[in-house]
């Protein structure tokens, strides 16, 4: 199975979106624990930016299993500040 998530916004809103996403679309274990932990790490990072920043989170992962055993698991996380954002 695989999953992906992307969001851009103010830090508190991004953190809330990450945490809300963690409660959706459960995956098989151990991928589900990895997905939830990754999204919580993204939320913690986002909410520790100052309120005047704009933050972009991109997270994804996948797991390959055969006969009920996990053979491969990968995860990617990027949390970036978006500079020169105008409103």
PDB file of N, CA and C in Angstrom:
ATOM      1  N   UNK A   1       0.844  -1.169   0.000  1.00  0.00           N
ATOM      2  CA  UNK A   1       0.000   0.000   0.000  1.00  0.00           C
ATOM      3  C   UNK A   1       0.892   1.236   0.000  1.00  0.00           C
ATOM      4  N   UNK A   2       0.337   2.351  -0.420  1.00  0.00           N
ATOM      5  CA  UNK A   2       1.092   3.595  -0.375  1.00  0.00           C
ATOM      6  C   UNK A   2       0.166   4.722   0.078  1.00  0.00           C
ATOM      7  N   UNK A   3       0.776   5.818   0.528  1.00  0.00           N
ATOM      8  CA  UNK A   3       0.023   6.993   0.970  1.00  0.00           C
ATOM      9  C   UNK A   3       0.815   8.243   0.648  1.00  0.00           C
ATOM     10  N   UNK A   4       0.113   9.362   0.537  1.00  0.00           N
ATOM     11  CA  UNK A   4       0.788  10.639   0.338  1.00  0.00           C
ATOM     12  C   UNK A   4      -0.083  11.753   0.902  1.00  0.00           C
ATOM     13  N   UNK A   5       0.565  12.853   1.255  1.00  0.00           N
ATOM     14  CA  UNK A   5      -0.119  13.996   1.856  1.00  0.00           C
ATOM     15  C   UNK A   5       0.682  15.248   1.547  1.00  0.00           C
ATOM     16  N   UNK A   6      -0.032  16.324   1.211  1.00  0.00           N
ATOM     17  CA  UNK A   6       0.611  17.601   0.932  1.00  0.00           C
ATOM     18  C   UNK A   6      -0.309  18.716   1.392  1.00  0.00           C
ATOM     19  N   UNK A   7       0.266  19.737   2.038  1.00  0.00           N
ATOM     20  CA  UNK A   7      -0.522  20.875   2.512  1.00  0.00           C
ATOM     21  C   UNK A   7       0.381  22.104   2.580  1.00  0.00           C
ATOM     22  N   UNK A   8      -0.200  23.280   2.326  1.00  0.00           N
ATOM     23  CA  UNK A   8       0.511  24.548   2.406  1.00  0.00           C
ATOM     24  C   UNK A   8      -0.369  25.512   3.187  1.00  0.00           C
ATOM     25  N   UNK A   9       0.217  26.246   4.133  1.00  0.00           N
ATOM     26  CA  UNK A   9      -0.559  27.240   4.869  1.00  0.00           C
ATOM     27  C   UNK A   9       0.189  27.793   6.058  1.00  0.00           C
ATOM     28  N   UNK A  10      -0.554  28.467   6.903  1.00  0.00           N
ATOM     29  CA  UNK A  10       0.007  29.010   8.141  1.00  0.00           C
ATOM     30  C   UNK A  10       0.317  27.857   9.090  1.00  0.00           C
ATOM     31  N   UNK A  11       1.321  28.024   9.937  1.00  0.00           N
ATOM     32  CA  UNK A  11       1.805  26.919  10.767  1.00  0.00           C
ATOM     33  C   UNK A  11       0.746  26.168  11.569  1.00  0.00           C
ATOM     34  N   UNK A  12      -0.112  26.869  12.278  1.00  0.00           N
ATOM     35  CA  UNK A  12      -1.105  26.169  13.109  1.00  0.00           C
ATOM     36  C   UNK A  12      -2.116  25.405  12.263  1.00  0.00           C
ATOM     37  N   UNK A  13      -2.507  25.986  11.133  1.00  0.00           N
ATOM     38  CA  UNK A  13      -3.443  25.306  10.239  1.00  0.00           C
ATOM     39  C   UNK A  13      -2.810  24.067   9.610  1.00  0.00           C
ATOM     40  N   UNK A  14      -1.546  24.169   9.242  1.00  0.00           N
ATOM     41  CA  UNK A  14      -0.831  23.026   8.670  1.00  0.00           C
ATOM     42  C   UNK A  14      -0.714  21.910   9.706  1.00  0.00           C
ATOM     43  N   UNK A  15      -0.373  22.267  10.928  1.00  0.00           N
ATOM     44  CA  UNK A  15      -0.265  21.260  11.996  1.00  0.00           C
ATOM     45  C   UNK A  15      -1.605  20.560  12.213  1.00  0.00           C
ATOM     46  N   UNK A  16      -2.679  21.327  12.237  1.00  0.00           N
ATOM     47  CA  UNK A  16      -4.009  20.740  12.418  1.00  0.00           C
ATOM     48  C   UNK A  16      -4.363  19.811  11.261  1.00  0.00           C
ATOM     49  N   UNK A  17      -4.025  20.205  10.040  1.00  0.00           N
ATOM     50  CA  UNK A  17      -4.304  19.371   8.867  1.00  0.00           C
ATOM     51  C   UNK A  17      -3.514  18.059   8.917  1.00  0.00           C
ATOM     52  N   UNK A  18      -2.267  18.124   9.376  1.00  0.00           N
ATOM     53  CA  UNK A  18      -1.447  16.907   9.512  1.00  0.00           C
ATOM     54  C   UNK A  18      -2.072  15.949  10.515  1.00  0.00           C
ATOM     55  N   UNK A  19      -2.497  16.483  11.636  1.00  0.00           N
ATOM     56  CA  UNK A  19      -3.094  15.636  12.683  1.00  0.00           C
ATOM     57  C   UNK A  19      -4.441  15.062  12.239  1.00  0.00           C
ATOM     58  N   UNK A  20      -5.222  15.840  11.496  1.00  0.00           N
ATOM     59  CA  UNK A  20      -6.494  15.334  10.980  1.00  0.00           C
ATOM     60  C   UNK A  20      -6.253  14.213   9.973  1.00  0.00           C
ATOM     61  N   UNK A  21      -5.245  14.380   9.130  1.00  0.00           N
ATOM     62  CA  UNK A  21      -4.917  13.363   8.132  1.00  0.00           C
ATOM     63  C   UNK A  21      -4.476  12.055   8.793  1.00  0.00           C
ATOM     64  N   UNK A  22      -3.808  12.171   9.928  1.00  0.00           N
ATOM     65  CA  UNK A  22      -3.333  10.971  10.633  1.00  0.00           C
ATOM     66  C   UNK A  22      -4.494  10.085  11.085  1.00  0.00           C
ATOM     67  N   UNK A  23      -5.679  10.661  11.224  1.00  0.00           N
ATOM     68  CA  UNK A  23      -6.844   9.895  11.667  1.00  0.00           C
ATOM     69  C   UNK A  23      -7.632   9.284  10.512  1.00  0.00           C
ATOM     70  N   UNK A  24      -7.225   9.544   9.276  1.00  0.00           N
ATOM     71  CA  UNK A  24      -7.925   9.038   8.096  1.00  0.00           C
ATOM     72  C   UNK A  24      -7.180   7.872   7.463  1.00  0.00           C
ATOM     73  N   UNK A  25      -7.877   7.136   6.622  1.00  0.00           N
ATOM     74  CA  UNK A  25      -7.311   6.127   5.727  1.00  0.00           C
ATOM     75  C   UNK A  25      -6.218   5.271   6.351  1.00  0.00           C
ATOM     76  N   UNK A  26      -6.554   4.467   7.337  1.00  0.00           N
ATOM     77  CA  UNK A  26      -5.514   3.642   7.956  1.00  0.00           C
ATOM     78  C   UNK A  26      -4.894   2.641   6.975  1.00  0.00           C
ATOM     79  N   UNK A  27      -3.618   2.392   7.176  1.00  0.00           N
ATOM     80  CA  UNK A  27      -2.863   1.416   6.387  1.00  0.00           C
ATOM     81  C   UNK A  27      -2.632   0.176   7.239  1.00  0.00           C
ATOM     82  N   UNK A  28      -2.079  -0.835   6.634  1.00  0.00           N
ATOM     83  CA  UNK A  28      -1.682  -2.035   7.371  1.00  0.00           C
ATOM     84  C   UNK A  28      -0.446  -1.721   8.214  1.00  0.00           C
ATOM     85  N   UNK A  29      -0.275  -2.445   9.295  1.00  0.00           N
ATOM     86  CA  UNK A  29       0.930  -2.287  10.120  1.00  0.00           C
ATOM     87  C   UNK A  29       2.100  -2.993   9.447  1.00  0.00           C
ATOM     88  N   UNK A  30       3.306  -2.508   9.590  1.00  0.00           N
ATOM     89  CA  UNK A  30       3.743  -1.382  10.414  1.00  0.00           C
ATOM     90  C   UNK A  30       3.612  -0.025   9.724  1.00  0.00           C
ATOM     91  N   UNK A  31       3.113  -0.024   8.462  1.00  0.00           N
ATOM     92  CA  UNK A  31       3.012   1.231   7.710  1.00  0.00           C
ATOM     93  C   UNK A  31       2.129   2.252   8.422  1.00  0.00           C
ATOM     94  N   UNK A  32       1.054   1.810   9.068  1.00  0.00           N
ATOM     95  CA  UNK A  32       0.154   2.745   9.751  1.00  0.00           C
ATOM     96  C   UNK A  32       0.869   3.487  10.877  1.00  0.00           C
ATOM     97  N   UNK A  33       1.646   2.801  11.672  1.00  0.00           N
ATOM     98  CA  UNK A  33       2.400   3.463  12.748  1.00  0.00           C
ATOM     99  C   UNK A  33       3.416   4.448  12.188  1.00  0.00           C
ATOM    100  N   UNK A  34       4.043   4.075  11.104  1.00  0.00           N
ATOM    101  CA  UNK A  34       5.024   4.959  10.462  1.00  0.00           C
ATOM    102  C   UNK A  34       4.321   6.189   9.898  1.00  0.00           C
ATOM    103  N   UNK A  35       3.167   6.004   9.247  1.00  0.00           N
ATOM    104  CA  UNK A  35       2.395   7.119   8.675  1.00  0.00           C
ATOM    105  C   UNK A  35       1.977   8.099   9.766  1.00  0.00           C
ATOM    106  N   UNK A  36       1.405   7.582  10.849  1.00  0.00           N
ATOM    107  CA  UNK A  36       0.950   8.459  11.941  1.00  0.00           C
ATOM    108  C   UNK A  36       2.120   9.193  12.594  1.00  0.00           C
ATOM    109  N   UNK A  37       3.222   8.503  12.798  1.00  0.00           N
ATOM    110  CA  UNK A  37       4.398   9.131  13.406  1.00  0.00           C
ATOM    111  C   UNK A  37       4.970  10.209  12.492  1.00  0.00           C
ATOM    112  N   UNK A  38       5.014   9.946  11.197  1.00  0.00           N
ATOM    113  CA  UNK A  38       5.521  10.924  10.235  1.00  0.00           C
ATOM    114  C   UNK A  38       4.648  12.169  10.214  1.00  0.00           C
ATOM    115  N   UNK A  39       3.336  11.990  10.204  1.00  0.00           N
ATOM    116  CA  UNK A  39       2.423  13.135  10.193  1.00  0.00           C
ATOM    117  C   UNK A  39       2.494  13.919  11.502  1.00  0.00           C
ATOM    118  N   UNK A  40       2.703  13.250  12.619  1.00  0.00           N
ATOM    119  CA  UNK A  40       2.858  13.970  13.890  1.00  0.00           C
ATOM    120  C   UNK A  40       4.168  14.746  13.907  1.00  0.00           C
ATOM    121  N   UNK A  41       5.224  14.179  13.377  1.00  0.00           N
ATOM    122  CA  UNK A  41       6.503  14.892  13.270  1.00  0.00           C
ATOM    123  C   UNK A  41       6.337  16.134  12.394  1.00  0.00           C
ATOM    124  N   UNK A  42       5.610  16.010  11.292  1.00  0.00           N
ATOM    125  CA  UNK A  42       5.345  17.158  10.428  1.00  0.00           C
ATOM    126  C   UNK A  42       4.553  18.229  11.179  1.00  0.00           C
ATOM    127  N   UNK A  43       3.558  17.814  11.952  1.00  0.00           N
ATOM    128  CA  UNK A  43       2.749  18.755  12.734  1.00  0.00           C
ATOM    129  C   UNK A  43       3.605  19.488  13.759  1.00  0.00           C
ATOM    130  N   UNK A  44       4.447  18.767  14.457  1.00  0.00           N
ATOM    131  CA  UNK A  44       5.332  19.385  15.461  1.00  0.00           C
ATOM    132  C   UNK A  44       6.273  20.394  14.814  1.00  0.00           C
ATOM    133  N   UNK A  45       6.817  20.041  13.664  1.00  0.00           N
ATOM    134  CA  UNK A  45       7.718  20.954  12.968  1.00  0.00           C
ATOM    135  C   UNK A  45       6.968  22.196  12.500  1.00  0.00           C
ATOM    136  N   UNK A  46       5.791  22.016  11.903  1.00  0.00           N
ATOM    137  CA  UNK A  46       5.020  23.148  11.376  1.00  0.00           C
ATOM    138  C   UNK A  46       4.607  24.108  12.480  1.00  0.00           C
ATOM    139  N   UNK A  47       4.094  23.574  13.581  1.00  0.00           N
ATOM    140  CA  UNK A  47       3.577  24.453  14.626  1.00  0.00           C
ATOM    141  C   UNK A  47       4.671  25.205  15.378  1.00  0.00           C
ATOM    142  N   UNK A  48       5.899  24.859  15.150  1.00  0.00           N
ATOM    143  CA  UNK A  48       7.000  25.576  15.787  1.00  0.00           C
ATOM    144  C   UNK A  48       7.605  26.648  14.898  1.00  0.00           C
ATOM    145  N   UNK A  49       6.967  26.936  13.764  1.00  0.00           N
ATOM    146  CA  UNK A  49       7.291  28.116  12.966  1.00  0.00           C
ATOM    147  C   UNK A  49       6.529  29.294  13.569  1.00  0.00           C
ATOM    148  N   UNK A  50       7.003  30.499  13.337  1.00  0.00           N
ATOM    149  CA  UNK A  50       6.258  31.662  13.805  1.00  0.00           C
ATOM    150  C   UNK A  50       5.018  31.860  12.940  1.00  0.00           C
ATOM    151  N   UNK A  51       4.010  32.520  13.508  1.00  0.00           N
ATOM    152  CA  UNK A  51       2.720  32.675  12.845  1.00  0.00           C
ATOM    153  C   UNK A  51       2.783  33.407  11.513  1.00  0.00           C
ATOM    154  N   UNK A  52       3.815  34.218  11.296  1.00  0.00           N
ATOM    155  CA  UNK A  52       3.899  34.974  10.043  1.00  0.00           C
ATOM    156  C   UNK A  52       4.503  34.172   8.891  1.00  0.00           C
ATOM    157  N   UNK A  53       4.886  32.929   9.137  1.00  0.00           N
ATOM    158  CA  UNK A  53       5.437  32.067   8.088  1.00  0.00           C
ATOM    159  C   UNK A  53       4.346  31.333   7.331  1.00  0.00           C
ATOM    160  N   UNK A  54       4.705  30.860   6.156  1.00  0.00           N
ATOM    161  CA  UNK A  54       3.896  29.920   5.397  1.00  0.00           C
ATOM    162  C   UNK A  54       4.730  28.649   5.287  1.00  0.00           C
ATOM    163  N   UNK A  55       4.097  27.515   5.557  1.00  0.00           N
ATOM    164  CA  UNK A  55       4.802  26.236   5.629  1.00  0.00           C
ATOM    165  C   UNK A  55       4.201  25.261   4.618  1.00  0.00           C
ATOM    166  N   UNK A  56       5.068  24.484   3.978  1.00  0.00           N
ATOM    167  CA  UNK A  56       4.617  23.421   3.077  1.00  0.00           C
ATOM    168  C   UNK A  56       5.108  22.080   3.609  1.00  0.00           C
ATOM    169  N   UNK A  57       4.172  21.140   3.732  1.00  0.00           N
ATOM    170  CA  UNK A  57       4.500  19.782   4.161  1.00  0.00           C
ATOM    171  C   UNK A  57       4.187  18.832   3.020  1.00  0.00           C
ATOM    172  N   UNK A  58       5.135  17.969   2.729  1.00  0.00           N
ATOM    173  CA  UNK A  58       4.936  16.878   1.780  1.00  0.00           C
ATOM    174  C   UNK A  58       5.411  15.602   2.457  1.00  0.00           C
ATOM    175  N   UNK A  59       4.526  14.622   2.533  1.00  0.00           N
ATOM    176  CA  UNK A  59       4.861  13.360   3.179  1.00  0.00           C
ATOM    177  C   UNK A  59       4.301  12.218   2.347  1.00  0.00           C
ATOM    178  N   UNK A  60       5.039  11.125   2.303  1.00  0.00           N
ATOM    179  CA  UNK A  60       4.560   9.951   1.565  1.00  0.00           C
ATOM    180  C   UNK A  60       5.278   8.708   2.073  1.00  0.00           C
ATOM    181  N   UNK A  61       4.698   7.587   1.749  1.00  0.00           N
ATOM    182  CA  UNK A  61       5.318   6.332   2.135  1.00  0.00           C
ATOM    183  C   UNK A  61       4.681   5.162   1.409  1.00  0.00           C
ATOM    184  N   UNK A  62       5.346   4.038   1.461  1.00  0.00           N
ATOM    185  CA  UNK A  62       4.795   2.818   0.886  1.00  0.00           C
ATOM    186  C   UNK A  62       5.407   1.612   1.577  1.00  0.00           C
ATOM    187  N   UNK A  63       4.679   0.523   1.480  1.00  0.00           N
ATOM    188  CA  UNK A  63       5.146  -0.722   2.068  1.00  0.00           C
ATOM    189  C   UNK A  63       4.836  -1.850   1.094  1.00  0.00           C
ATOM    190  N   UNK A  64       5.746  -2.761   0.983  1.00  0.00           N
ATOM    191  CA  UNK A  64       5.529  -3.964   0.184  1.00  0.00           C
ATOM    192  C   UNK A  64       5.525  -5.145   1.135  1.00  0.00           C
ATOM    193  N   UNK A  65       4.447  -5.910   1.079  1.00  0.00           N
ATOM    194  CA  UNK A  65       4.384  -7.114   1.912  1.00  0.00           C
ATOM    195  C   UNK A  65       3.965  -8.299   1.055  1.00  0.00           C
ATOM    196  N   UNK A  66       4.377  -9.456   1.514  1.00  0.00           N
ATOM    197  CA  UNK A  66       4.038 -10.694   0.813  1.00  0.00           C
ATOM    198  C   UNK A  66       3.759 -11.753   1.863  1.00  0.00           C
ATOM    199  N   UNK A  67       2.667 -12.450   1.698  1.00  0.00           N
ATOM    200  CA  UNK A  67       2.268 -13.496   2.642  1.00  0.00           C
ATOM    201  C   UNK A  67       2.183 -12.958   4.075  1.00  0.00           C
ATOM    202  N   UNK A  68       1.721 -11.705   4.199  1.00  0.00           N
ATOM    203  CA  UNK A  68       1.528 -11.110   5.522  1.00  0.00           C
ATOM    204  C   UNK A  68       2.784 -10.577   6.179  1.00  0.00           C
ATOM    205  N   UNK A  69       3.916 -10.638   5.507  1.00  0.00           N
ATOM    206  CA  UNK A  69       5.177 -10.154   6.084  1.00  0.00           C
ATOM    207  C   UNK A  69       5.653  -8.924   5.321  1.00  0.00           C
ATOM    208  N   UNK A  70       6.079  -7.910   6.051  1.00  0.00           N
ATOM    209  CA  UNK A  70       6.610  -6.697   5.446  1.00  0.00           C
ATOM    210  C   UNK A  70       8.011  -6.970   4.907  1.00  0.00           C
ATOM    211  N   UNK A  71       8.211  -6.692   3.617  1.00  0.00           N
ATOM    212  CA  UNK A  71       9.510  -6.892   2.992  1.00  0.00           C
ATOM    213  C   UNK A  71      10.259  -5.582   2.779  1.00  0.00           C
ATOM    214  N   UNK A  72       9.498  -4.512   2.490  1.00  0.00           N
ATOM    215  CA  UNK A  72      10.106  -3.203   2.237  1.00  0.00           C
ATOM    216  C   UNK A  72       9.186  -2.122   2.776  1.00  0.00           C
ATOM    217  N   UNK A  73       9.803  -1.047   3.249  1.00  0.00           N
ATOM    218  CA  UNK A  73       9.037   0.086   3.739  1.00  0.00           C
ATOM    219  C   UNK A  73       9.851   1.340   3.477  1.00  0.00           C
ATOM    220  N   UNK A  74       9.227   2.364   2.902  1.00  0.00           N
ATOM    221  CA  UNK A  74       9.929   3.627   2.668  1.00  0.00           C
ATOM    222  C   UNK A  74       9.033   4.762   3.117  1.00  0.00           C
ATOM    223  N   UNK A  75       9.671   5.854   3.554  1.00  0.00           N
ATOM    224  CA  UNK A  75       8.931   7.046   3.977  1.00  0.00           C
ATOM    225  C   UNK A  75       9.732   8.288   3.588  1.00  0.00           C
ATOM    226  N   UNK A  76       9.020   9.361   3.246  1.00  0.00           N
ATOM    227  CA  UNK A  76       9.652  10.623   2.888  1.00  0.00           C
ATOM    228  C   UNK A  76       8.875  11.755   3.553  1.00  0.00           C
ATOM    229  N   UNK A  77       9.610  12.737   4.093  1.00  0.00           N
ATOM    230  CA  UNK A  77       8.971  13.888   4.731  1.00  0.00           C
ATOM    231  C   UNK A  77       9.770  15.140   4.413  1.00  0.00           C
ATOM    232  N   UNK A  78       9.061  16.181   3.994  1.00  0.00           N
ATOM    233  CA  UNK A  78       9.662  17.485   3.754  1.00  0.00           C
ATOM    234  C   UNK A  78       8.783  18.536   4.420  1.00  0.00           C
ATOM    235  N   UNK A  79       9.402  19.383   5.246  1.00  0.00           N
ATOM    236  CA  UNK A  79       8.721  20.520   5.854  1.00  0.00           C
ATOM    237  C   UNK A  79       9.549  21.744   5.498  1.00  0.00           C
ATOM    238  N   UNK A  80       8.958  22.656   4.717  1.00  0.00           N
ATOM    239  CA  UNK A  80       9.703  23.812   4.238  1.00  0.00           C
ATOM    240  C   UNK A  80       8.953  25.104   4.521  1.00  0.00           C
ATOM    241  N   UNK A  81       9.710  26.156   4.753  1.00  0.00           N
ATOM    242  CA  UNK A  81       9.153  27.496   4.834  1.00  0.00           C
ATOM    243  C   UNK A  81       9.057  28.041   3.415  1.00  0.00           C
ATOM    244  N   UNK A  82       7.923  28.629   3.087  1.00  0.00           N
ATOM    245  CA  UNK A  82       7.732  29.253   1.783  1.00  0.00           C
ATOM    246  C   UNK A  82       8.053  30.734   1.946  1.00  0.00           C
ATOM    247  N   UNK A  83       9.109  31.178   1.296  1.00  0.00           N
ATOM    248  CA  UNK A  83       9.552  32.556   1.394  1.00  0.00           C
ATOM    249  C   UNK A  83       8.867  33.419   0.334  1.00  0.00           C
ATOM    250  N   UNK A  84       8.858  34.722   0.585  1.00  0.00           N
ATOM    251  CA  UNK A  84       8.330  35.721  -0.346  1.00  0.00           C
ATOM    252  C   UNK A  84       6.840  35.524  -0.654  1.00  0.00           C
ATOM    253  N   UNK A  85       6.110  34.973   0.304  1.00  0.00           N
ATOM    254  CA  UNK A  85       4.679  34.786   0.152  1.00  0.00           C
ATOM    255  C   UNK A  85       3.982  36.130   0.332  1.00  0.00           C
ATOM    256  N   UNK A  86       3.105  36.485  -0.578  1.00  0.00           N
ATOM    257  CA  UNK A  86       2.371  37.752  -0.469  1.00  0.00           C
ATOM    258  C   UNK A  86       0.892  37.478  -0.314  1.00  0.00           C
ATOM    259  N   UNK A  87       0.228  38.366   0.409  1.00  0.00           N
ATOM    260  CA  UNK A  87      -1.219  38.221   0.604  1.00  0.00           C
ATOM    261  C   UNK A  87      -1.913  39.471   0.103  1.00  0.00           C
TER     262      UNK A  87
END
